[in-house]
Amino acid sequence: MVRSHSAGVGEKLSNEVVRAMMLLRAHNVSLGYSGVRCAVVESLLSFINNDIIPVIPKKGSVGASGDLAPLAHLALCLMGEGKVLYSGNIKDAKDVLISIGIEPLKLEAKEGLALINGTQYMSAIGCLALNEAESLCKHADVISALSLNGIAGTFAAFDERISKLRPHKGQVIVSRNFKKLSGGSISTSHLECKRVQDPYSFRCIPQVHGAVRDAVSYLREVLSVEINSVTDNPLVFDDAIISGGNFHGEPIALALDFVSIAITELSSISERRIDKLLTPAFNGGLPAYLAKESGLNSGLMIAQYTAASLVNENRVLAHPSSIDNISTSNNKEDHVSMGATGARKLMDIIKNTEIVLAIELFCATEACSIRKPLVPSKELVSVIKMVRENTPELLEDRVISDDILKISELINTKKILEEVNVD
């Protein structure tokens, strides 16, 4: 069974995803309803403890009957077959186990089925994606606050009294974050300028960012239940062995699709703020494209094109995979979740959004630099300092792809959140 089900294709999964899969699989069968020996759990833990990473192809799961193909490739390596990554090299699993004195697992009744039935592939990716999505939500608040300073916008729309009249949890949190970040800002009352209100991409940040946060919170709630549940089939009770459907990934699939849509919106509103930062009609009198020397210099014009391209890709990827269905197993498995596809798509959307936010941070930093000696709050000044440690001020045109990637890496490391305390 394990050999025949090892039918995955595509690039190999990241080490982080495979480690998470092994941990979740060990926890799942250790709950005592899968009919396996302790040796199965010990085998999984020995791989984790010795940093043996099974080589598992990304594609092949339909998200019901468990993540069969990916988990089969995992089980195959426990048996001493297949390939593993060990000490930086891909090797035969059997050779690695022999070299460190681990006996290949000899499966007994029910154990092959128990190892490949479950939602640990999509759950593992989902948990890692959740961590990144929550980080992006916090970064988006910090970066958009800096952008608001860049256009000399008003913090009036973030008054907590507004959110109390529509107290969605996420909206309240975002408004509270902006209160922390507004002190000593380059904001204007708008009574001294022609703009009465800022564009929606600024004024409605609490409503949009807040809704995204609430969607991400829902995914956390679903995954918290899922990873602590038994998703095997059949289940072994004291007095019976019962076939059911806990392997079906629908609860996770729907939540993953929901967050894919939400994070796409986070990238979409960020791209709109980028556009406003580069446009004199909206950026409070700054030069077009933030080019300090106009004429031959294009400034950050094409950075917005890149952001637009990534948002377009996100919108394509955000199409829900869970609404699709392809019957399998001679039409007995006639409804599947496609949650594995949803998990992989979400990871791609998150990476795209990280880059879009990096471009916004680049633009916001440049805008605030032009406004010197005016400066934003001390928290946001520290963010500008971190950006400047990675990318010098854009005084004239240069290749900026490296700048974008360096700022994206800054977001990925979460150093900004270590410096700026937001909820």
Protein backbone atom coordinates (compact mmCIF):
# COMPACT_ATOMS: atom_id res chain seq x y z
CA MET A 1 0.00 0.00 0.00
CA VAL A 2 2.70 2.47 0.97
CA ARG A 3 4.70 1.78 -2.19
CA SER A 4 1.74 2.02 -4.55
CA HIS A 5 0.50 5.23 -2.94
CA SER A 6 3.89 6.94 -3.31
CA ALA A 7 2.79 8.61 -6.53
CA GLY A 8 3.57 12.27 -5.82
CA VAL A 9 5.17 14.56 -8.39
CA GLY A 10 6.73 18.00 -8.55
CA GLU A 11 9.40 19.82 -6.55
CA LYS A 12 10.23 18.52 -3.10
CA LEU A 13 8.56 20.05 -0.07
CA SER A 14 10.56 22.43 2.09
CA ASN A 15 12.33 21.04 5.14
CA GLU A 16 10.05 23.05 7.43
CA VAL A 17 6.89 21.52 5.95
CA VAL A 18 8.24 17.97 6.16
CA ARG A 19 9.33 18.42 9.78
CA ALA A 20 5.87 19.75 10.60
CA MET A 21 4.26 16.79 8.83
CA MET A 22 6.31 14.31 10.85
CA LEU A 23 5.50 16.03 14.13
CA LEU A 24 1.77 16.22 13.38
CA ARG A 25 1.72 12.61 12.16
CA ALA A 26 3.47 11.41 15.33
CA HIS A 27 1.02 13.35 17.50
CA ASN A 28 -1.99 12.09 15.55
CA VAL A 29 -1.24 8.38 15.85
CA SER A 30 -0.07 8.77 19.47
CA LEU A 31 -3.59 9.76 20.51
CA GLY A 32 -4.38 6.05 20.55
CA TYR A 33 -7.14 5.51 17.98
CA SER A 34 -5.07 4.44 14.98
CA GLY A 35 -4.18 0.89 15.99
CA VAL A 36 -0.40 1.27 15.73
CA ARG A 37 2.49 0.28 17.98
CA CYS A 38 4.61 2.76 19.92
CA ALA A 39 7.40 1.83 17.52
CA VAL A 40 5.66 3.81 14.77
CA VAL A 41 5.68 6.99 16.87
CA GLU A 42 9.27 6.35 17.92
CA SER A 43 10.32 5.93 14.29
CA LEU A 44 8.83 9.30 13.37
CA LEU A 45 10.49 10.98 16.35
CA SER A 46 13.85 9.42 15.51
CA PHE A 47 13.70 11.06 12.07
CA ILE A 48 12.91 14.42 13.67
CA ASN A 49 15.59 14.12 16.35
CA ASN A 50 18.27 13.07 13.86
CA ASP A 51 17.24 15.73 11.31
CA ILE A 52 16.42 13.18 8.63
CA ILE A 53 14.10 14.87 6.12
CA PRO A 54 12.13 12.58 3.78
CA VAL A 55 12.03 13.82 0.19
CA ILE A 56 8.32 14.36 -0.49
CA PRO A 57 6.97 15.74 -3.80
CA LYS A 58 4.65 18.74 -3.49
CA LYS A 59 1.81 17.55 -5.69
CA GLY A 60 -0.52 14.57 -5.60
CA SER A 61 -3.02 15.04 -2.77
CA VAL A 62 -6.73 15.73 -3.33
CA GLY A 63 -7.29 16.41 0.36
CA ALA A 64 -9.56 13.50 1.19
CA SER A 65 -8.90 9.88 2.12
CA GLY A 66 -6.13 11.79 3.78
CA ASP A 67 -3.13 13.39 2.09
CA LEU A 68 -2.38 9.95 0.69
CA ALA A 69 0.51 10.50 -1.72
CA PRO A 70 2.59 12.92 0.39
CA LEU A 71 2.13 10.84 3.54
CA ALA A 72 2.98 7.65 1.63
CA HIS A 73 6.32 9.16 0.62
CA LEU A 74 6.89 9.93 4.31
CA ALA A 75 6.00 6.40 5.39
CA LEU A 76 8.20 4.96 2.65
CA CYS A 77 11.28 6.56 4.21
CA LEU A 78 10.41 5.17 7.65
CA MET A 79 10.53 1.74 5.99
CA GLY A 80 14.07 2.46 4.74
CA GLU A 81 12.97 3.11 1.17
CA GLY A 82 12.83 6.30 -0.86
CA LYS A 83 15.13 9.32 -0.55
CA VAL A 84 15.95 11.57 2.40
CA LEU A 85 17.85 14.81 2.92
CA TYR A 86 20.57 14.24 5.52
CA SER A 87 23.59 16.40 6.35
CA GLY A 88 22.85 18.58 3.34
CA ASN A 89 22.74 15.77 0.78
CA ILE A 90 19.94 13.68 -0.73
CA LYS A 91 20.64 10.01 -0.05
CA ASP A 92 18.89 6.64 -0.02
CA ALA A 93 16.88 6.34 3.19
CA LYS A 94 18.22 2.83 3.84
CA ASP A 95 21.85 3.98 3.73
CA VAL A 96 21.21 6.86 6.13
CA LEU A 97 19.38 4.67 8.64
CA ILE A 98 22.16 2.08 8.57
CA SER A 99 24.85 4.76 9.02
CA ILE A 100 23.29 6.09 12.24
CA GLY A 101 22.04 2.78 13.59
CA ILE A 102 18.29 3.15 13.13
CA GLU A 103 16.31 0.07 12.20
CA PRO A 104 13.91 0.57 9.27
CA LEU A 105 10.31 0.31 10.43
CA LYS A 106 8.73 -3.07 9.65
CA LEU A 107 5.04 -2.35 9.33
CA GLU A 108 2.44 -4.59 10.94
CA ALA A 109 -1.33 -4.81 10.49
CA LYS A 110 -3.09 -1.45 10.03
CA GLU A 111 0.13 0.59 10.35
CA GLY A 112 0.64 1.33 6.65
CA LEU A 113 -2.92 2.63 6.38
CA ALA A 114 -2.57 4.61 9.61
CA LEU A 115 0.55 6.39 8.34
CA ILE A 116 -1.00 7.60 5.09
CA ASN A 117 -4.50 8.51 6.27
CA GLY A 118 -4.92 12.05 7.60
CA THR A 119 -4.66 15.76 6.92
CA GLN A 120 -1.09 16.30 8.09
CA TYR A 121 0.20 17.61 4.74
CA MET A 122 -2.33 20.42 4.39
CA SER A 123 -2.29 21.04 8.16
CA ALA A 124 1.51 21.37 8.21
CA ILE A 125 1.51 23.90 5.37
CA GLY A 126 -1.51 25.60 6.94
CA CYS A 127 0.23 26.07 10.30
CA LEU A 128 3.34 27.54 8.69
CA ALA A 129 1.19 29.77 6.48
CA LEU A 130 -0.80 30.90 9.52
CA ASN A 131 2.37 32.04 11.25
CA GLU A 132 3.39 34.06 8.21
CA ALA A 133 -0.10 35.47 7.66
CA GLU A 134 -0.31 36.74 11.23
CA SER A 135 3.10 38.38 10.81
CA LEU A 136 2.03 40.04 7.54
CA CYS A 137 -1.05 41.50 9.24
CA LYS A 138 1.13 43.20 11.85
CA HIS A 139 3.66 44.36 9.28
CA ALA A 140 0.87 45.78 7.12
CA ASP A 141 -0.26 48.02 9.99
CA VAL A 142 3.25 49.34 10.61
CA ILE A 143 4.04 49.85 6.92
CA SER A 144 0.73 51.54 6.12
CA ALA A 145 1.18 53.88 9.09
CA LEU A 146 4.51 54.92 7.58
CA SER A 147 2.79 55.35 4.20
CA LEU A 148 0.19 57.58 5.83
CA ASN A 149 3.02 59.77 7.08
CA GLY A 150 4.52 59.68 3.59
CA ILE A 151 1.44 61.27 2.03
CA ALA A 152 1.01 63.60 5.04
CA GLY A 153 -2.36 62.02 5.66
CA THR A 154 -4.56 62.23 8.71
CA PHE A 155 -4.87 59.77 11.58
CA ALA A 156 -8.43 60.98 12.28
CA ALA A 157 -10.01 57.93 10.62
CA PHE A 158 -8.26 55.70 13.16
CA ASP A 159 -9.96 57.28 16.16
CA GLU A 160 -10.95 54.37 18.40
CA ARG A 161 -14.39 55.91 18.94
CA ILE A 162 -15.16 55.04 15.30
CA SER A 163 -14.29 51.38 15.78
CA LYS A 164 -16.31 51.15 18.98
CA LEU A 165 -19.39 51.84 16.89
CA ARG A 166 -18.56 48.83 14.68
CA PRO A 167 -16.54 46.63 17.01
CA HIS A 168 -15.26 43.87 14.78
CA LYS A 169 -12.30 42.48 16.70
CA GLY A 170 -9.75 43.00 13.94
CA GLN A 171 -10.85 46.56 13.26
CA VAL A 172 -10.50 47.48 16.94
CA ILE A 173 -6.99 46.02 17.05
CA VAL A 174 -5.85 47.90 13.95
CA SER A 175 -7.19 51.22 15.27
CA ARG A 176 -5.37 50.58 18.54
CA ASN A 177 -2.14 49.89 16.67
CA PHE A 178 -2.43 53.16 14.77
CA LYS A 179 -2.92 55.05 18.02
CA LYS A 180 0.46 53.64 19.15
CA LEU A 181 2.10 54.66 15.89
CA SER A 182 0.62 58.14 15.49
CA GLY A 183 2.60 60.11 18.07
CA GLY A 184 4.55 63.02 16.56
CA SER A 185 3.52 62.02 13.06
CA ILE A 186 3.81 64.03 9.83
CA SER A 187 0.03 64.10 9.73
CA THR A 188 -2.04 67.09 8.78
CA SER A 189 -5.46 68.19 10.00
CA HIS A 190 -6.52 68.44 6.34
CA LEU A 191 -7.99 71.86 7.22
CA GLU A 192 -4.88 73.42 5.73
CA CYS A 193 -4.94 71.47 2.52
CA LYS A 194 -7.33 70.76 -0.31
CA ARG A 195 -7.97 67.14 0.70
CA VAL A 196 -10.87 66.70 3.06
CA GLN A 197 -10.37 62.95 3.36
CA ASP A 198 -7.67 60.48 2.33
CA PRO A 199 -8.35 57.78 -0.29
CA TYR A 200 -10.01 54.58 0.90
CA SER A 201 -6.74 52.64 0.78
CA PHE A 202 -5.64 54.83 3.71
CA ARG A 203 -8.87 55.89 5.37
CA CYS A 204 -10.33 52.38 5.48
CA ILE A 205 -7.24 50.57 6.74
CA PRO A 206 -8.92 49.54 10.02
CA GLN A 207 -11.88 48.08 8.18
CA VAL A 208 -9.84 46.19 5.55
CA HIS A 209 -6.82 45.14 7.62
CA GLY A 210 -9.20 44.27 10.44
CA ALA A 211 -11.31 41.99 8.26
CA VAL A 212 -8.15 40.24 7.05
CA ARG A 213 -7.09 39.70 10.66
CA ASP A 214 -10.46 38.18 11.50
CA ALA A 215 -10.14 35.76 8.58
CA VAL A 216 -6.68 34.73 9.73
CA SER A 217 -8.01 34.26 13.27
CA TYR A 218 -10.59 31.85 11.88
CA LEU A 219 -7.82 29.76 10.30
CA ARG A 220 -6.04 29.62 13.67
CA GLU A 221 -9.24 28.39 15.29
CA VAL A 222 -9.73 25.66 12.67
CA LEU A 223 -6.13 24.47 12.72
CA SER A 224 -6.05 24.41 16.52
CA VAL A 225 -8.84 21.85 16.42
CA GLU A 226 -7.46 19.95 13.43
CA ILE A 227 -3.90 19.31 14.60
CA ASN A 228 -5.15 18.02 17.96
CA SER A 229 -7.71 15.67 16.39
CA VAL A 230 -7.61 12.10 15.09
CA THR A 231 -7.88 12.07 11.30
CA ASP A 232 -7.20 8.39 10.66
CA ASN A 233 -9.59 5.83 9.17
CA PRO A 234 -10.79 3.37 10.26
CA LEU A 235 -10.63 4.33 13.94
CA VAL A 236 -9.87 1.75 16.61
CA PHE A 237 -11.95 1.94 19.78
CA ASP A 238 -11.95 -0.41 22.79
CA ASP A 239 -14.90 -2.35 21.48
CA ALA A 240 -15.02 -1.64 17.75
CA ILE A 241 -13.20 -0.65 14.57
CA ILE A 242 -15.30 1.97 12.80
CA SER A 243 -14.90 3.49 9.33
CA GLY A 244 -15.70 7.19 9.09
CA GLY A 245 -14.59 10.36 7.35
CA ASN A 246 -12.27 12.31 9.68
CA PHE A 247 -9.65 12.25 6.91
CA HIS A 248 -11.72 14.65 4.79
CA GLY A 249 -9.99 18.02 4.63
CA GLU A 250 -13.05 20.22 4.08
CA PRO A 251 -12.78 22.20 7.37
CA ILE A 252 -9.21 23.19 6.57
CA ALA A 253 -9.79 23.60 2.84
CA LEU A 254 -12.50 26.23 3.34
CA ALA A 255 -10.44 28.11 5.93
CA LEU A 256 -7.35 28.09 3.71
CA ASP A 257 -9.33 29.46 0.79
CA PHE A 258 -10.84 32.15 3.01
CA VAL A 259 -7.38 33.30 4.11
CA SER A 260 -6.08 33.18 0.53
CA ILE A 261 -8.79 35.67 -0.40
CA ALA A 262 -8.06 37.78 2.70
CA ILE A 263 -4.29 37.97 2.19
CA THR A 264 -4.90 38.81 -1.47
CA GLU A 265 -6.91 41.80 -0.24
CA LEU A 266 -4.00 42.78 2.00
CA SER A 267 -1.76 42.88 -1.08
CA SER A 268 -4.41 44.68 -3.10
CA ILE A 269 -4.87 47.58 -0.68
CA SER A 270 -1.10 47.82 -0.24
CA GLU A 271 -0.62 48.19 -4.00
CA ARG A 272 -3.20 50.99 -4.05
CA ARG A 273 -1.25 52.83 -1.34
CA ILE A 274 1.94 52.40 -3.40
CA ASP A 275 0.19 54.05 -6.31
CA LYS A 276 -0.94 56.98 -4.16
CA LEU A 277 2.56 57.45 -2.72
CA LEU A 278 3.88 57.87 -6.27
CA THR A 279 1.13 60.20 -7.51
CA PRO A 280 1.43 63.99 -6.84
CA ALA A 281 -2.34 64.42 -6.77
CA PHE A 282 -2.48 62.20 -3.67
CA ASN A 283 0.98 62.21 -2.06
CA GLY A 284 0.85 65.68 -0.56
CA GLY A 285 3.00 67.45 -3.11
CA LEU A 286 5.90 65.01 -3.39
CA PRO A 287 7.53 64.50 -6.83
CA ALA A 288 6.00 61.99 -9.24
CA TYR A 289 7.22 58.46 -8.63
CA LEU A 290 9.27 59.92 -5.73
CA ALA A 291 12.03 60.69 -8.23
CA LYS A 292 14.16 63.34 -6.50
CA GLU A 293 15.63 64.47 -9.83
CA SER A 294 12.92 64.26 -12.47
CA GLY A 295 13.54 64.17 -16.19
CA LEU A 296 15.54 61.06 -17.01
CA ASN A 297 14.91 59.47 -13.61
CA SER A 298 11.90 57.16 -13.24
CA GLY A 299 12.11 56.80 -9.45
CA LEU A 300 9.92 54.00 -8.14
CA MET A 301 7.58 53.97 -11.12
CA ILE A 302 8.25 50.36 -12.15
CA ALA A 303 8.19 49.09 -8.57
CA GLN A 304 4.46 49.77 -8.68
CA TYR A 305 4.24 47.70 -11.88
CA THR A 306 5.86 44.80 -10.04
CA ALA A 307 3.38 45.15 -7.19
CA ALA A 308 0.50 45.23 -9.66
CA SER A 309 1.80 42.07 -11.34
CA LEU A 310 2.00 40.22 -8.01
CA VAL A 311 -1.49 41.33 -6.98
CA ASN A 312 -2.84 40.07 -10.31
CA GLU A 313 -1.17 36.72 -9.67
CA ASN A 314 -2.65 36.62 -6.17
CA ARG A 315 -6.12 37.23 -7.54
CA VAL A 316 -5.73 34.28 -9.90
CA LEU A 317 -4.40 32.07 -7.09
CA ALA A 318 -7.18 33.16 -4.72
CA HIS A 319 -9.78 31.27 -6.73
CA PRO A 320 -11.08 28.75 -4.18
CA SER A 321 -9.75 25.23 -4.74
CA SER A 322 -12.33 23.82 -2.32
CA ILE A 323 -15.22 24.45 -4.71
CA ASP A 324 -13.70 22.03 -7.21
CA ASN A 325 -14.24 18.27 -7.08
CA ILE A 326 -12.80 15.35 -9.05
CA SER A 327 -14.05 11.92 -8.09
CA THR A 328 -11.42 9.28 -7.24
CA SER A 329 -11.21 5.56 -6.37
CA ASN A 330 -13.77 4.23 -8.86
CA ASN A 331 -16.24 6.92 -7.82
CA LYS A 332 -16.43 5.76 -4.20
CA GLU A 333 -14.44 8.80 -3.10
CA ASP A 334 -16.80 11.06 -4.99
CA HIS A 335 -16.24 14.29 -3.07
CA VAL A 336 -12.78 15.57 -2.13
CA SER A 337 -11.64 18.84 -0.53
CA MET A 338 -8.65 19.83 -2.68
CA GLY A 339 -7.32 21.37 0.54
CA ALA A 340 -3.74 20.46 -0.35
CA THR A 341 -3.95 22.70 -3.41
CA GLY A 342 -5.43 25.44 -1.25
CA ALA A 343 -2.55 25.16 1.21
CA ARG A 344 0.10 25.45 -1.48
CA LYS A 345 -1.68 28.40 -3.12
CA LEU A 346 -1.88 30.22 0.19
CA MET A 347 1.87 29.94 0.65
CA ASP A 348 2.42 31.46 -2.81
CA ILE A 349 0.00 34.30 -2.06
CA ILE A 350 1.76 35.01 1.22
CA LYS A 351 5.15 35.24 -0.47
CA ASN A 352 3.78 37.59 -3.15
CA THR A 353 2.15 39.76 -0.49
CA GLU A 354 5.38 39.97 1.48
CA ILE A 355 7.05 41.45 -1.61
CA VAL A 356 4.18 43.88 -2.25
CA LEU A 357 4.46 45.11 1.35
CA ALA A 358 8.22 45.40 0.88
CA ILE A 359 7.63 47.66 -2.12
CA GLU A 360 5.21 49.78 -0.09
CA LEU A 361 7.78 50.04 2.71
CA PHE A 362 10.40 51.09 0.15
CA CYS A 363 8.11 53.80 -1.20
CA ALA A 364 6.98 54.99 2.24
CA THR A 365 10.58 55.27 3.42
CA GLU A 366 11.52 57.33 0.36
CA ALA A 367 8.49 59.58 0.82
CA CYS A 368 9.33 60.25 4.46
CA SER A 369 12.96 60.94 3.52
CA ILE A 370 11.82 63.68 1.14
CA ARG A 371 9.80 65.26 3.95
CA LYS A 372 12.79 65.83 6.24
CA PRO A 373 13.20 67.57 8.64
CA LEU A 374 9.67 66.42 9.40
CA VAL A 375 9.72 62.88 10.79
CA PRO A 376 7.08 60.34 11.90
CA SER A 377 6.78 58.78 15.36
CA LYS A 378 9.87 57.33 17.03
CA GLU A 379 8.61 53.78 16.37
CA LEU A 380 8.35 54.47 12.66
CA VAL A 381 11.69 56.29 12.61
CA SER A 382 13.24 53.04 13.87
CA VAL A 383 11.62 51.22 10.93
CA ILE A 384 13.11 53.73 8.49
CA LYS A 385 16.50 53.17 10.11
CA MET A 386 16.23 49.40 9.56
CA VAL A 387 15.30 49.92 5.92
CA ARG A 388 18.24 52.27 5.45
CA GLU A 389 20.60 49.65 6.89
CA ASN A 390 19.60 47.47 3.95
CA THR A 391 18.97 50.00 1.17
CA PRO A 392 20.47 53.48 0.70
CA GLU A 393 18.32 56.47 -0.21
CA LEU A 394 17.23 56.53 -3.86
CA LEU A 395 18.96 59.71 -5.04
CA GLU A 396 18.99 58.70 -8.69
CA ASP A 397 17.86 55.70 -10.73
CA ARG A 398 19.55 52.36 -10.03
CA VAL A 399 18.66 48.68 -10.22
CA ILE A 400 16.16 48.26 -7.39
CA SER A 401 15.26 44.56 -7.53
CA ASP A 402 17.91 43.80 -4.91
CA ASP A 403 16.52 46.59 -2.70
CA ILE A 404 13.05 45.07 -2.88
CA LEU A 405 14.34 41.60 -2.01
CA LYS A 406 16.40 42.92 0.93
CA ILE A 407 13.37 44.72 2.36
CA SER A 408 11.26 41.60 1.78
CA GLU A 409 13.82 39.61 3.76
CA LEU A 410 13.65 42.23 6.51
CA ILE A 411 9.91 41.59 6.73
CA ASN A 412 10.46 37.83 6.64
CA THR A 413 12.87 37.92 9.58
CA LYS A 414 10.27 39.82 11.67
CA LYS A 415 12.94 42.20 12.99
CA ILE A 416 10.55 45.11 12.48
CA LEU A 417 8.06 43.51 14.87
CA GLU A 418 10.82 43.04 17.44
CA GLU A 419 11.44 46.78 17.30
CA VAL A 420 7.84 48.01 16.97
CA ASN A 421 5.29 46.56 19.37
CA VAL A 422 1.90 46.12 17.69
CA ASP A 423 -0.89 43.65 18.39
